[in-house]
Amino acid sequence: MAAVTQRITNCLWFDSDAEEAVKLYTSIFKNSSVGQIVRYGKQGFEFHGKPAGSVMTILFYLDGQELMALNGGPIFKFNEAMSMIINCETQEEIDYYWEKLTENGGEESMCGWLKDKFGVSWQVTPVLFNELSADYESDAYKRMETAMYSMRKLDIRTLMDAYNG
C-alpha cells in the first residue's frame, strides 16, 4: 500500500469534461502531472448514465498538490463557495495565471477572483496581501483593502501604493 503523502484531496465535480480540465490545469502549473485515470464500467449505468470506458475520475497534481477530477454528470455546478487560491510572489505570476485561467471562456470577477471556462472559481492573490493582513486593523491595511475592492485582477504596485499612503 502506498504511503499517504497528502491527507486531504479536493475533488472537482465536472459534468463530462474532467479530462479537458485536467489537461488545461496541468499545462498551466509547473510541477504538475496526471496520475491514475479510472473509467466507468457497464455496472451502475442506471445511476451514472456514463458510457462504459469513459473517464470517471482522474487523480492529478498541480504544483505538487494532489487533486481529483470526477465526471459525475450535471447534478452539481461549481460556485464561489469553493475556490482554488493561487498564492503569487510577483505581478508576473498574477498576470500569467489570470491570463491562462480566463482565456477561452473564463470570466473575471472582483478582488482577484475569476472563474475558468469550466466554472471553477480561483483566487489569484499576491502573497504580500496575505502577509500584510496580520495588520488588518491599521489604516494602511484598510487603504490597501479599499484599493483591492476596485480591482478585478490584483495589481501589487497599486496595492502597495495604497498601503504606503
N, C-alpha and C. Protein backbone atom coordinates (compact mmCIF):
# COMPACT_ATOMS: atom_id res chain seq x y z
N MET A 1 0.84 -1.17 0.00
CA MET A 1 0.00 0.00 0.00
C MET A 1 0.90 1.24 0.00
N ALA A 2 0.52 2.25 -0.81
CA ALA A 2 1.30 3.47 -0.91
C ALA A 2 1.13 4.32 0.34
N ALA A 3 2.18 5.03 0.72
CA ALA A 3 2.11 5.93 1.86
C ALA A 3 1.26 7.14 1.50
N VAL A 4 0.49 7.64 2.46
CA VAL A 4 -0.32 8.83 2.25
C VAL A 4 0.61 10.03 2.31
N THR A 5 0.65 10.80 1.23
CA THR A 5 1.51 11.98 1.19
C THR A 5 0.73 13.26 1.45
N GLN A 6 -0.56 13.20 1.26
CA GLN A 6 -1.42 14.36 1.47
C GLN A 6 -2.72 13.86 2.07
N ARG A 7 -3.09 14.33 3.21
CA ARG A 7 -4.26 13.79 3.92
C ARG A 7 -5.58 14.21 3.27
N ILE A 8 -5.69 15.44 2.80
CA ILE A 8 -6.94 15.94 2.23
C ILE A 8 -6.74 16.26 0.76
N THR A 9 -7.61 15.73 -0.08
CA THR A 9 -7.56 15.96 -1.52
C THR A 9 -8.89 16.53 -1.97
N ASN A 10 -8.86 17.66 -2.66
CA ASN A 10 -10.09 18.23 -3.22
C ASN A 10 -10.53 17.42 -4.42
N CYS A 11 -11.84 17.21 -4.52
CA CYS A 11 -12.43 16.55 -5.68
C CYS A 11 -13.29 17.57 -6.41
N LEU A 12 -13.00 17.77 -7.68
CA LEU A 12 -13.74 18.72 -8.51
C LEU A 12 -14.73 17.94 -9.35
N TRP A 13 -16.01 18.22 -9.22
CA TRP A 13 -17.09 17.50 -9.90
C TRP A 13 -17.43 18.21 -11.20
N PHE A 14 -17.14 17.56 -12.30
CA PHE A 14 -17.46 18.07 -13.63
C PHE A 14 -18.63 17.26 -14.19
N ASP A 15 -19.28 17.80 -15.19
CA ASP A 15 -20.32 17.06 -15.88
C ASP A 15 -19.64 15.94 -16.67
N SER A 16 -18.90 16.32 -17.70
CA SER A 16 -18.21 15.32 -18.52
C SER A 16 -16.89 15.82 -19.08
N ASP A 17 -16.39 16.95 -18.60
CA ASP A 17 -15.16 17.50 -19.18
C ASP A 17 -13.98 17.51 -18.22
N ALA A 18 -13.94 16.55 -17.30
CA ALA A 18 -12.84 16.46 -16.34
C ALA A 18 -11.50 16.29 -17.06
N GLU A 19 -11.47 15.48 -18.09
CA GLU A 19 -10.22 15.23 -18.80
C GLU A 19 -9.69 16.51 -19.45
N GLU A 20 -10.57 17.28 -20.07
CA GLU A 20 -10.17 18.55 -20.69
C GLU A 20 -9.68 19.53 -19.62
N ALA A 21 -10.35 19.59 -18.49
CA ALA A 21 -9.95 20.49 -17.41
C ALA A 21 -8.58 20.10 -16.87
N VAL A 22 -8.36 18.82 -16.64
CA VAL A 22 -7.08 18.36 -16.11
C VAL A 22 -5.95 18.69 -17.10
N LYS A 23 -6.20 18.51 -18.38
CA LYS A 23 -5.17 18.87 -19.38
C LYS A 23 -4.84 20.34 -19.31
N LEU A 24 -5.86 21.19 -19.18
CA LEU A 24 -5.62 22.62 -19.07
C LEU A 24 -4.83 22.94 -17.80
N TYR A 25 -5.30 22.48 -16.68
CA TYR A 25 -4.66 22.81 -15.41
C TYR A 25 -3.21 22.33 -15.35
N THR A 26 -2.96 21.10 -15.80
CA THR A 26 -1.58 20.59 -15.74
C THR A 26 -0.67 21.28 -16.75
N SER A 27 -1.25 21.91 -17.77
CA SER A 27 -0.42 22.68 -18.72
C SER A 27 -0.06 24.05 -18.16
N ILE A 28 -0.84 24.56 -17.22
CA ILE A 28 -0.63 25.89 -16.66
C ILE A 28 0.36 25.88 -15.50
N PHE A 29 0.23 24.92 -14.60
CA PHE A 29 1.02 24.90 -13.38
C PHE A 29 2.27 24.04 -13.53
N LYS A 30 3.40 24.58 -13.07
CA LYS A 30 4.65 23.83 -13.07
C LYS A 30 4.53 22.68 -12.07
N ASN A 31 5.39 21.70 -12.21
CA ASN A 31 5.43 20.57 -11.29
C ASN A 31 4.05 19.90 -11.21
N SER A 32 3.44 19.70 -12.38
CA SER A 32 2.11 19.10 -12.44
C SER A 32 2.14 17.84 -13.28
N SER A 33 1.22 16.94 -12.98
CA SER A 33 1.17 15.69 -13.73
C SER A 33 -0.19 15.03 -13.56
N VAL A 34 -0.44 14.07 -14.43
CA VAL A 34 -1.67 13.27 -14.37
C VAL A 34 -1.32 11.93 -13.75
N GLY A 35 -2.12 11.51 -12.81
CA GLY A 35 -1.92 10.22 -12.17
C GLY A 35 -2.91 9.20 -12.70
N GLN A 36 -3.50 8.45 -11.82
CA GLN A 36 -4.39 7.36 -12.19
C GLN A 36 -5.69 7.87 -12.81
N ILE A 37 -6.09 7.23 -13.90
CA ILE A 37 -7.38 7.50 -14.54
C ILE A 37 -8.25 6.26 -14.37
N VAL A 38 -9.44 6.45 -13.80
CA VAL A 38 -10.39 5.34 -13.62
C VAL A 38 -11.54 5.58 -14.59
N ARG A 39 -11.95 4.51 -15.27
CA ARG A 39 -13.00 4.63 -16.27
C ARG A 39 -14.27 3.91 -15.79
N TYR A 40 -15.40 4.42 -16.26
CA TYR A 40 -16.67 3.78 -15.95
C TYR A 40 -16.75 2.42 -16.61
N GLY A 41 -17.36 1.48 -15.90
CA GLY A 41 -17.65 0.17 -16.47
C GLY A 41 -19.13 0.12 -16.85
N LYS A 42 -19.59 -1.04 -17.19
CA LYS A 42 -21.02 -1.20 -17.53
C LYS A 42 -21.89 -1.14 -16.28
N GLN A 43 -21.33 -1.55 -15.14
CA GLN A 43 -22.08 -1.57 -13.90
C GLN A 43 -22.43 -0.15 -13.47
N GLY A 44 -23.62 0.02 -12.95
CA GLY A 44 -24.06 1.31 -12.42
C GLY A 44 -24.56 2.30 -13.45
N PHE A 45 -24.66 1.90 -14.71
CA PHE A 45 -25.10 2.83 -15.76
C PHE A 45 -26.44 3.48 -15.42
N GLU A 46 -27.32 2.71 -14.79
CA GLU A 46 -28.64 3.26 -14.44
C GLU A 46 -28.54 4.41 -13.43
N PHE A 47 -27.40 4.53 -12.75
CA PHE A 47 -27.19 5.62 -11.79
C PHE A 47 -26.39 6.78 -12.39
N HIS A 48 -25.29 6.43 -13.08
CA HIS A 48 -24.41 7.49 -13.57
C HIS A 48 -24.66 7.88 -15.03
N GLY A 49 -25.22 7.01 -15.83
CA GLY A 49 -25.54 7.31 -17.22
C GLY A 49 -24.34 7.54 -18.12
N LYS A 50 -23.17 7.16 -17.69
CA LYS A 50 -21.95 7.37 -18.46
C LYS A 50 -21.60 6.11 -19.23
N PRO A 51 -21.18 6.25 -20.48
CA PRO A 51 -20.82 5.07 -21.27
C PRO A 51 -19.61 4.33 -20.69
N ALA A 52 -19.64 3.03 -20.77
CA ALA A 52 -18.50 2.22 -20.33
C ALA A 52 -17.26 2.67 -21.08
N GLY A 53 -16.16 2.82 -20.35
CA GLY A 53 -14.89 3.25 -20.95
C GLY A 53 -14.65 4.75 -20.86
N SER A 54 -15.69 5.52 -20.54
CA SER A 54 -15.47 6.97 -20.41
C SER A 54 -14.81 7.27 -19.06
N VAL A 55 -14.15 8.39 -18.97
CA VAL A 55 -13.42 8.75 -17.76
C VAL A 55 -14.38 9.01 -16.60
N MET A 56 -14.12 8.33 -15.47
CA MET A 56 -14.87 8.58 -14.25
C MET A 56 -14.07 9.55 -13.37
N THR A 57 -12.85 9.17 -12.99
CA THR A 57 -12.02 10.04 -12.15
C THR A 57 -10.60 10.13 -12.72
N ILE A 58 -9.98 11.25 -12.41
CA ILE A 58 -8.57 11.45 -12.75
C ILE A 58 -7.89 12.02 -11.52
N LEU A 59 -6.89 11.33 -11.04
CA LEU A 59 -6.05 11.86 -9.97
C LEU A 59 -4.98 12.70 -10.66
N PHE A 60 -4.77 13.93 -10.20
CA PHE A 60 -3.76 14.77 -10.83
C PHE A 60 -3.10 15.66 -9.79
N TYR A 61 -2.00 16.25 -10.18
CA TYR A 61 -1.18 17.05 -9.28
C TYR A 61 -0.92 18.41 -9.89
N LEU A 62 -1.21 19.47 -9.13
CA LEU A 62 -0.91 20.84 -9.55
C LEU A 62 0.13 21.38 -8.59
N ASP A 63 1.28 21.70 -9.13
CA ASP A 63 2.39 22.20 -8.32
C ASP A 63 2.62 21.29 -7.10
N GLY A 64 2.51 20.00 -7.35
CA GLY A 64 2.75 19.01 -6.30
C GLY A 64 1.55 18.70 -5.41
N GLN A 65 0.44 19.43 -5.55
CA GLN A 65 -0.75 19.20 -4.72
C GLN A 65 -1.69 18.23 -5.41
N GLU A 66 -2.11 17.21 -4.69
CA GLU A 66 -3.00 16.20 -5.25
C GLU A 66 -4.44 16.70 -5.30
N LEU A 67 -5.08 16.47 -6.45
CA LEU A 67 -6.50 16.79 -6.64
C LEU A 67 -7.13 15.64 -7.40
N MET A 68 -8.45 15.61 -7.41
CA MET A 68 -9.16 14.62 -8.20
C MET A 68 -10.23 15.33 -9.01
N ALA A 69 -10.40 14.87 -10.24
CA ALA A 69 -11.48 15.36 -11.09
C ALA A 69 -12.43 14.19 -11.32
N LEU A 70 -13.72 14.47 -11.24
CA LEU A 70 -14.75 13.45 -11.39
C LEU A 70 -15.73 13.89 -12.47
N ASN A 71 -16.01 13.02 -13.42
CA ASN A 71 -17.10 13.24 -14.36
C ASN A 71 -18.34 12.64 -13.73
N GLY A 72 -19.09 13.47 -13.00
CA GLY A 72 -20.23 12.96 -12.24
C GLY A 72 -21.58 13.32 -12.83
N GLY A 73 -21.58 14.03 -13.96
CA GLY A 73 -22.85 14.43 -14.55
C GLY A 73 -23.24 15.84 -14.16
N PRO A 74 -24.37 16.30 -14.66
CA PRO A 74 -24.78 17.70 -14.49
C PRO A 74 -25.49 18.03 -13.17
N ILE A 75 -25.48 17.10 -12.23
CA ILE A 75 -26.23 17.28 -10.99
C ILE A 75 -25.75 18.50 -10.20
N PHE A 76 -24.43 18.66 -10.06
CA PHE A 76 -23.87 19.75 -9.27
C PHE A 76 -23.08 20.69 -10.15
N LYS A 77 -23.10 21.96 -9.80
CA LYS A 77 -22.37 23.01 -10.52
C LYS A 77 -21.38 23.67 -9.57
N PHE A 78 -20.28 24.16 -10.13
CA PHE A 78 -19.33 24.92 -9.33
C PHE A 78 -19.92 26.27 -8.96
N ASN A 79 -19.51 26.79 -7.82
CA ASN A 79 -19.84 28.16 -7.45
C ASN A 79 -18.73 28.69 -6.56
N GLU A 80 -18.86 29.96 -6.17
CA GLU A 80 -17.80 30.61 -5.40
C GLU A 80 -17.67 30.11 -3.97
N ALA A 81 -18.58 29.25 -3.53
CA ALA A 81 -18.48 28.73 -2.17
C ALA A 81 -17.21 27.91 -1.98
N MET A 82 -16.62 27.44 -3.08
CA MET A 82 -15.35 26.72 -3.03
C MET A 82 -14.47 27.31 -4.12
N SER A 83 -13.28 27.74 -3.74
CA SER A 83 -12.36 28.30 -4.73
C SER A 83 -10.96 27.75 -4.50
N MET A 84 -10.17 27.84 -5.55
CA MET A 84 -8.78 27.44 -5.51
C MET A 84 -7.97 28.73 -5.39
N ILE A 85 -7.08 28.81 -4.41
CA ILE A 85 -6.28 30.00 -4.20
C ILE A 85 -4.88 29.76 -4.75
N ILE A 86 -4.43 30.71 -5.57
CA ILE A 86 -3.06 30.66 -6.11
C ILE A 86 -2.30 31.79 -5.44
N ASN A 87 -1.35 31.46 -4.60
CA ASN A 87 -0.52 32.45 -3.92
C ASN A 87 0.64 32.82 -4.83
N CYS A 88 0.71 34.08 -5.22
CA CYS A 88 1.70 34.54 -6.20
C CYS A 88 2.71 35.48 -5.56
N GLU A 89 3.98 35.28 -5.88
CA GLU A 89 5.06 36.12 -5.36
C GLU A 89 5.21 37.41 -6.14
N THR A 90 4.90 37.40 -7.44
CA THR A 90 5.17 38.55 -8.30
C THR A 90 3.95 38.91 -9.14
N GLN A 91 3.99 40.12 -9.70
CA GLN A 91 2.93 40.54 -10.61
C GLN A 91 2.95 39.69 -11.87
N GLU A 92 4.11 39.27 -12.29
CA GLU A 92 4.21 38.41 -13.47
C GLU A 92 3.46 37.10 -13.27
N GLU A 93 3.56 36.54 -12.06
CA GLU A 93 2.80 35.32 -11.76
C GLU A 93 1.30 35.60 -11.79
N ILE A 94 0.90 36.69 -11.16
CA ILE A 94 -0.53 37.05 -11.17
C ILE A 94 -1.03 37.18 -12.60
N ASP A 95 -0.29 37.92 -13.42
CA ASP A 95 -0.68 38.13 -14.82
C ASP A 95 -0.77 36.81 -15.58
N TYR A 96 0.22 35.94 -15.36
CA TYR A 96 0.26 34.64 -16.06
C TYR A 96 -0.97 33.79 -15.72
N TYR A 97 -1.22 33.58 -14.43
CA TYR A 97 -2.34 32.73 -14.04
C TYR A 97 -3.68 33.34 -14.43
N TRP A 98 -3.79 34.66 -14.30
CA TRP A 98 -5.02 35.35 -14.67
C TRP A 98 -5.31 35.14 -16.15
N GLU A 99 -4.29 35.34 -16.97
CA GLU A 99 -4.48 35.19 -18.42
C GLU A 99 -4.83 33.75 -18.78
N LYS A 100 -4.09 32.80 -18.25
CA LYS A 100 -4.31 31.39 -18.61
C LYS A 100 -5.68 30.89 -18.16
N LEU A 101 -6.15 31.32 -17.01
CA LEU A 101 -7.41 30.81 -16.47
C LEU A 101 -8.64 31.55 -16.98
N THR A 102 -8.45 32.76 -17.53
CA THR A 102 -9.61 33.47 -18.07
C THR A 102 -9.75 33.33 -19.57
N GLU A 103 -8.72 32.83 -20.25
CA GLU A 103 -8.83 32.73 -21.70
C GLU A 103 -9.80 31.64 -22.11
N ASN A 104 -10.33 31.76 -23.31
CA ASN A 104 -11.24 30.77 -23.89
C ASN A 104 -12.50 30.54 -23.08
N GLY A 105 -13.10 31.62 -22.60
CA GLY A 105 -14.38 31.46 -21.91
C GLY A 105 -14.34 31.64 -20.42
N GLY A 106 -13.17 31.95 -19.84
CA GLY A 106 -13.11 32.24 -18.43
C GLY A 106 -13.76 33.59 -18.16
N GLU A 107 -13.99 33.89 -16.90
CA GLU A 107 -14.74 35.08 -16.54
C GLU A 107 -14.08 35.80 -15.36
N GLU A 108 -13.72 37.07 -15.57
CA GLU A 108 -13.16 37.86 -14.48
C GLU A 108 -14.24 38.23 -13.48
N SER A 109 -13.85 38.29 -12.23
CA SER A 109 -14.74 38.77 -11.19
C SER A 109 -14.03 39.90 -10.46
N MET A 110 -14.31 40.09 -9.21
CA MET A 110 -13.73 41.19 -8.43
C MET A 110 -12.69 40.67 -7.44
N CYS A 111 -11.80 41.58 -7.03
CA CYS A 111 -10.88 41.35 -5.92
C CYS A 111 -9.97 40.14 -6.12
N GLY A 112 -9.54 39.90 -7.35
CA GLY A 112 -8.64 38.79 -7.61
C GLY A 112 -9.33 37.46 -7.87
N TRP A 113 -10.66 37.45 -7.96
CA TRP A 113 -11.40 36.23 -8.22
C TRP A 113 -11.70 36.10 -9.71
N LEU A 114 -11.75 34.87 -10.18
CA LEU A 114 -12.14 34.58 -11.56
C LEU A 114 -12.76 33.19 -11.60
N LYS A 115 -13.44 32.92 -12.70
CA LYS A 115 -13.92 31.57 -12.99
C LYS A 115 -13.28 31.14 -14.29
N ASP A 116 -12.78 29.91 -14.33
CA ASP A 116 -12.24 29.41 -15.59
C ASP A 116 -13.38 28.95 -16.49
N LYS A 117 -13.06 28.48 -17.66
CA LYS A 117 -14.11 28.12 -18.61
C LYS A 117 -14.97 26.95 -18.16
N PHE A 118 -14.54 26.23 -17.13
CA PHE A 118 -15.33 25.12 -16.60
C PHE A 118 -16.21 25.56 -15.43
N GLY A 119 -16.06 26.79 -14.99
CA GLY A 119 -16.84 27.31 -13.88
C GLY A 119 -16.16 27.20 -12.53
N VAL A 120 -14.92 26.70 -12.49
CA VAL A 120 -14.18 26.59 -11.23
C VAL A 120 -13.71 27.99 -10.83
N SER A 121 -13.94 28.37 -9.57
CA SER A 121 -13.52 29.67 -9.06
C SER A 121 -12.09 29.60 -8.55
N TRP A 122 -11.33 30.64 -8.88
CA TRP A 122 -9.93 30.77 -8.48
C TRP A 122 -9.73 32.15 -7.86
N GLN A 123 -8.85 32.22 -6.88
CA GLN A 123 -8.39 33.49 -6.34
C GLN A 123 -6.90 33.60 -6.65
N VAL A 124 -6.54 34.60 -7.44
CA VAL A 124 -5.15 34.82 -7.81
C VAL A 124 -4.66 35.96 -6.93
N THR A 125 -3.90 35.61 -5.91
CA THR A 125 -3.63 36.51 -4.79
C THR A 125 -2.14 36.70 -4.57
N PRO A 126 -1.71 37.95 -4.37
CA PRO A 126 -0.30 38.16 -4.02
C PRO A 126 -0.03 37.71 -2.58
N VAL A 127 1.05 36.99 -2.38
CA VAL A 127 1.44 36.55 -1.05
C VAL A 127 1.56 37.76 -0.12
N LEU A 128 2.04 38.85 -0.66
CA LEU A 128 2.21 40.08 0.11
C LEU A 128 0.91 40.52 0.78
N PHE A 129 -0.20 40.41 0.07
CA PHE A 129 -1.50 40.79 0.64
C PHE A 129 -1.81 39.93 1.87
N ASN A 130 -1.56 38.65 1.74
CA ASN A 130 -1.82 37.75 2.88
C ASN A 130 -0.90 38.07 4.06
N GLU A 131 0.36 38.38 3.76
CA GLU A 131 1.30 38.70 4.83
C GLU A 131 0.88 39.97 5.56
N LEU A 132 0.40 40.97 4.82
CA LEU A 132 0.02 42.24 5.42
C LEU A 132 -1.33 42.18 6.14
N SER A 133 -2.08 41.11 5.91
CA SER A 133 -3.40 41.01 6.56
C SER A 133 -3.31 40.86 8.07
N ALA A 134 -2.14 40.51 8.59
CA ALA A 134 -1.95 40.46 10.04
C ALA A 134 -2.14 41.86 10.64
N ASP A 135 -2.00 42.87 9.79
CA ASP A 135 -2.13 44.27 10.20
C ASP A 135 -3.51 44.82 9.82
N TYR A 136 -4.53 43.96 9.80
CA TYR A 136 -5.84 44.30 9.22
C TYR A 136 -6.56 45.47 9.90
N GLU A 137 -6.18 45.83 11.08
CA GLU A 137 -6.85 46.94 11.75
C GLU A 137 -6.19 48.29 11.49
N SER A 138 -5.05 48.29 10.83
CA SER A 138 -4.34 49.55 10.60
C SER A 138 -4.97 50.34 9.45
N ASP A 139 -4.73 51.64 9.44
CA ASP A 139 -5.21 52.49 8.35
C ASP A 139 -4.55 52.08 7.03
N ALA A 140 -3.28 51.69 7.10
CA ALA A 140 -2.56 51.28 5.89
C ALA A 140 -3.24 50.07 5.24
N TYR A 141 -3.57 49.08 6.06
CA TYR A 141 -4.24 47.89 5.52
C TYR A 141 -5.62 48.25 4.96
N LYS A 142 -6.34 49.10 5.66
CA LYS A 142 -7.67 49.50 5.20
C LYS A 142 -7.60 50.22 3.86
N ARG A 143 -6.55 51.05 3.66
CA ARG A 143 -6.37 51.70 2.35
C ARG A 143 -6.10 50.66 1.26
N MET A 144 -5.27 49.68 1.59
CA MET A 144 -4.96 48.63 0.62
C MET A 144 -6.20 47.81 0.29
N GLU A 145 -6.97 47.49 1.29
CA GLU A 145 -8.20 46.72 1.09
C GLU A 145 -9.20 47.51 0.23
N THR A 146 -9.31 48.80 0.48
CA THR A 146 -10.19 49.64 -0.33
C THR A 146 -9.74 49.63 -1.79
N ALA A 147 -8.43 49.71 -2.02
CA ALA A 147 -7.90 49.65 -3.39
C ALA A 147 -8.24 48.31 -4.04
N MET A 148 -8.14 47.23 -3.26
CA MET A 148 -8.45 45.91 -3.78
C MET A 148 -9.89 45.82 -4.28
N TYR A 149 -10.82 46.44 -3.56
CA TYR A 149 -12.23 46.37 -3.93
C TYR A 149 -12.52 47.00 -5.29
N SER A 150 -11.64 47.84 -5.77
CA SER A 150 -11.86 48.48 -7.06
C SER A 150 -11.24 47.69 -8.22
N MET A 151 -10.60 46.58 -7.93
CA MET A 151 -9.86 45.81 -8.95
C MET A 151 -10.58 44.53 -9.33
N ARG A 152 -10.27 44.07 -10.49
CA ARG A 152 -10.58 42.71 -10.91
C ARG A 152 -9.31 41.91 -10.66
N LYS A 153 -8.37 41.92 -11.59
CA LYS A 153 -7.06 41.30 -11.37
C LYS A 153 -6.29 42.20 -10.41
N LEU A 154 -5.69 41.62 -9.39
CA LEU A 154 -4.98 42.42 -8.40
C LEU A 154 -3.64 42.91 -8.96
N ASP A 155 -3.33 44.14 -8.61
CA ASP A 155 -2.09 44.77 -9.04
C ASP A 155 -1.26 45.10 -7.80
N ILE A 156 -0.14 44.44 -7.66
CA ILE A 156 0.68 44.57 -6.46
C ILE A 156 1.14 46.01 -6.25
N ARG A 157 1.59 46.67 -7.30
CA ARG A 157 2.08 48.06 -7.16
C ARG A 157 0.97 48.97 -6.62
N THR A 158 -0.23 48.86 -7.18
CA THR A 158 -1.34 49.70 -6.74
C THR A 158 -1.71 49.38 -5.28
N LEU A 159 -1.69 48.11 -4.92
CA LEU A 159 -1.99 47.73 -3.54
C LEU A 159 -0.95 48.30 -2.57
N MET A 160 0.32 48.21 -2.96
CA MET A 160 1.39 48.70 -2.09
C MET A 160 1.38 50.23 -2.01
N ASP A 161 1.09 50.89 -3.12
CA ASP A 161 0.98 52.36 -3.08
C ASP A 161 -0.12 52.77 -2.11
N ALA A 162 -1.25 52.07 -2.15
CA ALA A 162 -2.35 52.38 -1.23
C ALA A 162 -1.92 52.10 0.21
N TYR A 163 -1.24 50.98 0.44
CA TYR A 163 -0.80 50.62 1.78
C TYR A 163 0.15 51.67 2.36
N ASN A 164 1.07 52.12 1.50
CA ASN A 164 2.10 53.08 1.95
C ASN A 164 1.59 54.52 2.00
N GLY A 165 0.34 54.73 1.52
CA GLY A 165 -0.30 56.03 1.61
C GLY A 165 0.29 57.01 0.67
